[in-house]
């Protein structure tokens, strides 16, 4: 039984933020005593999960992938 989970894989990415957004991020990091990476990951995950147009698009992409790669396992069953 595993008690400690492996942390998620991280990749490095460079972003250019508008100055007011960068200042807001730094201020919020101080407020919650957390890193900018943590705040960015959390914020993007939440925002994208709640975006209705993105969710529709994502479902259509997943459905398109599923239609082309799904094996015909039920072909011989009644």
C-alpha atoms as a PDB file:
ATOM      1  CA  UNK A   1       0.000   0.000   0.000  1.00  0.00           C
ATOM      2  CA  UNK A   2       1.389   3.374  -1.054  1.00  0.00           C
ATOM      3  CA  UNK A   3       1.130   6.205   1.471  1.00  0.00           C
ATOM      4  CA  UNK A   4       2.872   8.940  -0.487  1.00  0.00           C
ATOM      5  CA  UNK A   5       1.793   9.642  -4.039  1.00  0.00           C
ATOM      6  CA  UNK A   6       4.263  10.561  -6.745  1.00  0.00           C
ATOM      7  CA  UNK A   7       4.089  14.314  -7.493  1.00  0.00           C
ATOM      8  CA  UNK A   8       2.752  15.305 -10.911  1.00  0.00           C
ATOM      9  CA  UNK A   9       5.249  15.806 -13.708  1.00  0.00           C
ATOM     10  CA  UNK A  10       6.204  19.447 -14.147  1.00  0.00           C
ATOM     11  CA  UNK A  11       7.434  21.128 -17.284  1.00  0.00           C
ATOM     12  CA  UNK A  12       9.032  24.526 -17.578  1.00  0.00           C
ATOM     13  CA  UNK A  13       7.200  27.125 -19.648  1.00  0.00           C
ATOM     14  CA  UNK A  14       7.923  30.807 -20.122  1.00  0.00           C
ATOM     15  CA  UNK A  15       5.025  33.246 -20.068  1.00  0.00           C
ATOM     16  CA  UNK A  16       4.861  36.978 -20.525  1.00  0.00           C
ATOM     17  CA  UNK A  17       2.403  38.604 -18.143  1.00  0.00           C
ATOM     18  CA  UNK A  18       1.025  42.093 -18.259  1.00  0.00           C
ATOM     19  CA  UNK A  19       2.596  44.167 -15.507  1.00  0.00           C
ATOM     20  CA  UNK A  20      -0.647  44.555 -13.465  1.00  0.00           C
ATOM     21  CA  UNK A  21      -1.274  40.800 -13.689  1.00  0.00           C
ATOM     22  CA  UNK A  22       2.279  40.030 -12.597  1.00  0.00           C
ATOM     23  CA  UNK A  23       1.932  42.361  -9.630  1.00  0.00           C
ATOM     24  CA  UNK A  24      -1.403  40.801  -8.728  1.00  0.00           C
ATOM     25  CA  UNK A  25       0.150  37.329  -8.889  1.00  0.00           C
ATOM     26  CA  UNK A  26       3.041  38.336  -6.642  1.00  0.00           C
ATOM     27  CA  UNK A  27       0.664  39.956  -4.171  1.00  0.00           C
ATOM     28  CA  UNK A  28      -1.577  36.892  -4.084  1.00  0.00           C
ATOM     29  CA  UNK A  29       1.456  34.634  -3.588  1.00  0.00           C
ATOM     30  CA  UNK A  30       2.386  36.636  -0.509  1.00  0.00           C
ATOM     31  CA  UNK A  31      -1.220  36.504   0.707  1.00  0.00           C
ATOM     32  CA  UNK A  32      -1.495  32.687   0.539  1.00  0.00           C
ATOM     33  CA  UNK A  33       2.232  32.029   1.168  1.00  0.00           C
ATOM     34  CA  UNK A  34       2.605  29.952  -1.981  1.00  0.00           C
ATOM     35  CA  UNK A  35       4.674  29.976  -5.172  1.00  0.00           C
ATOM     36  CA  UNK A  36       3.593  31.543  -8.443  1.00  0.00           C
ATOM     37  CA  UNK A  37       3.819  28.108 -10.076  1.00  0.00           C
ATOM     38  CA  UNK A  38       1.323  26.684  -7.601  1.00  0.00           C
ATOM     39  CA  UNK A  39      -1.100  29.590  -8.087  1.00  0.00           C
ATOM     40  CA  UNK A  40      -0.836  29.417 -11.886  1.00  0.00           C
ATOM     41  CA  UNK A  41      -1.440  25.647 -11.946  1.00  0.00           C
ATOM     42  CA  UNK A  42      -4.413  25.878  -9.625  1.00  0.00           C
ATOM     43  CA  UNK A  43      -5.932  28.898 -11.383  1.00  0.00           C
ATOM     44  CA  UNK A  44      -5.618  27.483 -14.890  1.00  0.00           C
ATOM     45  CA  UNK A  45      -6.960  24.080 -13.844  1.00  0.00           C
ATOM     46  CA  UNK A  46     -10.024  25.692 -12.227  1.00  0.00           C
ATOM     47  CA  UNK A  47     -10.646  28.233 -14.979  1.00  0.00           C
ATOM     48  CA  UNK A  48     -10.386  25.740 -17.826  1.00  0.00           C
ATOM     49  CA  UNK A  49     -12.552  23.182 -16.023  1.00  0.00           C
ATOM     50  CA  UNK A  50     -15.327  25.780 -15.708  1.00  0.00           C
ATOM     51  CA  UNK A  51     -15.159  27.208 -19.250  1.00  0.00           C
ATOM     52  CA  UNK A  52     -18.288  25.878 -21.038  1.00  0.00           C
ATOM     53  CA  UNK A  53     -17.031  26.453 -24.596  1.00  0.00           C
ATOM     54  CA  UNK A  54     -13.718  24.755 -23.819  1.00  0.00           C
ATOM     55  CA  UNK A  55     -15.505  21.809 -22.207  1.00  0.00           C
ATOM     56  CA  UNK A  56     -17.679  21.366 -25.322  1.00  0.00           C
ATOM     57  CA  UNK A  57     -14.646  21.564 -27.573  1.00  0.00           C
ATOM     58  CA  UNK A  58     -12.687  19.138 -25.373  1.00  0.00           C
ATOM     59  CA  UNK A  59     -15.558  16.624 -25.365  1.00  0.00           C
ATOM     60  CA  UNK A  60     -15.762  16.762 -29.160  1.00  0.00           C
ATOM     61  CA  UNK A  61     -11.994  16.228 -29.411  1.00  0.00           C
ATOM     62  CA  UNK A  62     -12.114  13.291 -26.980  1.00  0.00           C
ATOM     63  CA  UNK A  63     -15.078  11.835 -28.871  1.00  0.00           C
ATOM     64  CA  UNK A  64     -13.254  12.126 -32.178  1.00  0.00           C
ATOM     65  CA  UNK A  65     -10.229  10.362 -30.728  1.00  0.00           C
ATOM     66  CA  UNK A  66     -12.431   7.649 -29.218  1.00  0.00           C
ATOM     67  CA  UNK A  67     -14.190   6.959 -32.511  1.00  0.00           C
ATOM     68  CA  UNK A  68     -10.939   6.324 -34.381  1.00  0.00           C
ATOM     69  CA  UNK A  69      -9.062   4.305 -31.758  1.00  0.00           C
ATOM     70  CA  UNK A  70     -11.843   2.315 -30.061  1.00  0.00           C
ATOM     71  CA  UNK A  71     -11.608  -1.405 -30.867  1.00  0.00           C
ATOM     72  CA  UNK A  72     -14.710  -3.318 -31.969  1.00  0.00           C
ATOM     73  CA  UNK A  73     -14.756  -5.622 -28.888  1.00  0.00           C
ATOM     74  CA  UNK A  74     -18.520  -6.243 -29.038  1.00  0.00           C
ATOM     75  CA  UNK A  75     -18.608  -7.518 -32.641  1.00  0.00           C
ATOM     76  CA  UNK A  76     -19.319 -11.194 -31.748  1.00  0.00           C
ATOM     77  CA  UNK A  77     -21.670 -10.573 -28.805  1.00  0.00           C
ATOM     78  CA  UNK A  78     -25.488 -10.694 -29.092  1.00  0.00           C
END
